Amino acid sequence: MQVEILSPDKTLYAGEADHIQLPGQDGSFGVLNNHAPLIAGLKEGTVNLRSGDEEKTFDIKGGVVEVVSNKVIVLAE
């Protein structure tokens, strides 16, 4: 799936991912390929991204995520 993690001043990540773990306001949750459409608020925490054998982490202060048609857009603070 295609993932973009955007902060107000720059793009933190843009590329493919197999799995993304997000700090949702009601608890942590993961998104895989072909996930149902979703919009959710995010709280302060860590976004974990896995693409093949590579793992990346991004600390955020909150934000919003949208998942639709195998595209994940994270608008992070």
Protein backbone atom coordinates (compact mmCIF):
# COMPACT_ATOMS: atom_id res chain seq x y z
CA MET A 1 0.00 0.00 0.00
CA GLN A 2 1.08 3.59 -0.57
CA VAL A 3 1.87 5.60 2.59
CA GLU A 4 2.46 9.31 3.12
CA ILE A 5 3.34 10.76 6.51
CA LEU A 6 3.14 14.54 6.40
CA SER A 7 3.99 17.16 9.02
CA PRO A 8 3.12 20.87 8.65
CA ASP A 9 6.58 21.69 7.29
CA LYS A 10 7.77 18.55 5.46
CA THR A 11 7.08 15.05 4.20
CA LEU A 12 8.41 12.54 6.74
CA TYR A 13 7.81 9.48 4.53
CA ALA A 14 6.39 8.71 1.11
CA GLY A 15 6.52 5.21 -0.29
CA GLU A 16 5.29 1.63 -0.11
CA ALA A 17 4.62 -0.24 3.13
CA ASP A 18 3.35 -3.69 4.13
CA HIS A 19 2.07 -2.62 7.56
CA ILE A 20 1.67 0.58 9.56
CA GLN A 21 0.96 0.77 13.30
CA LEU A 22 -0.64 3.99 14.54
CA PRO A 23 -1.33 5.52 18.00
CA GLY A 24 -5.10 6.02 17.76
CA GLN A 25 -6.98 8.13 20.29
CA ASP A 26 -8.81 5.00 21.50
CA GLY A 27 -5.73 2.75 21.33
CA SER A 28 -3.05 1.59 18.95
CA PHE A 29 -4.15 -0.03 15.69
CA GLY A 30 -2.59 -1.43 12.54
CA VAL A 31 -3.37 -1.11 8.85
CA LEU A 32 -2.58 -3.76 6.23
CA ASN A 33 -3.17 -3.92 2.48
CA ASN A 34 -6.88 -3.83 1.43
CA HIS A 35 -7.96 -2.28 4.75
CA ALA A 36 -11.51 -0.89 4.90
CA PRO A 37 -11.82 2.90 4.44
CA LEU A 38 -11.08 4.72 7.69
CA ILE A 39 -10.57 8.19 9.16
CA ALA A 40 -9.24 8.33 12.72
CA GLY A 41 -7.71 10.78 15.18
CA LEU A 42 -4.21 10.12 16.45
CA LYS A 43 -2.67 10.90 19.82
CA GLU A 44 0.94 11.47 20.79
CA GLY A 45 3.01 8.36 20.17
CA THR A 46 5.04 6.45 17.63
CA VAL A 47 4.09 5.45 14.09
CA ASN A 48 5.74 2.14 13.15
CA LEU A 49 6.10 1.34 9.47
CA ARG A 50 7.24 -1.96 7.95
CA SER A 51 8.20 -2.41 4.32
CA GLY A 52 9.74 -5.81 3.59
CA ASP A 53 12.60 -6.28 6.07
CA GLU A 54 12.91 -2.55 6.72
CA GLU A 55 11.26 -0.89 9.73
CA LYS A 56 10.95 2.84 10.39
CA THR A 57 9.54 4.78 13.32
CA PHE A 58 8.23 8.34 13.53
CA ASP A 59 7.31 10.15 16.75
CA ILE A 60 4.21 12.33 16.43
CA LYS A 61 2.32 14.66 18.79
CA GLY A 62 -1.09 13.82 17.32
CA GLY A 63 -2.91 14.15 14.02
CA VAL A 64 -5.32 12.40 11.68
CA VAL A 65 -5.06 9.36 9.40
CA GLU A 66 -7.11 8.55 6.30
CA VAL A 67 -7.12 5.08 4.72
CA VAL A 68 -8.80 4.58 1.34
CA SER A 69 -8.07 2.36 -1.68
CA ASN A 70 -4.71 1.07 -0.38
CA LYS A 71 -3.48 4.61 0.31
CA VAL A 72 -2.69 5.80 3.85
CA ILE A 73 -2.23 9.51 4.52
CA VAL A 74 -1.08 10.56 7.99
CA LEU A 75 -1.32 14.28 8.79
CA ALA A 76 0.91 14.52 11.85
CA GLU A 77 1.65 17.30 14.31
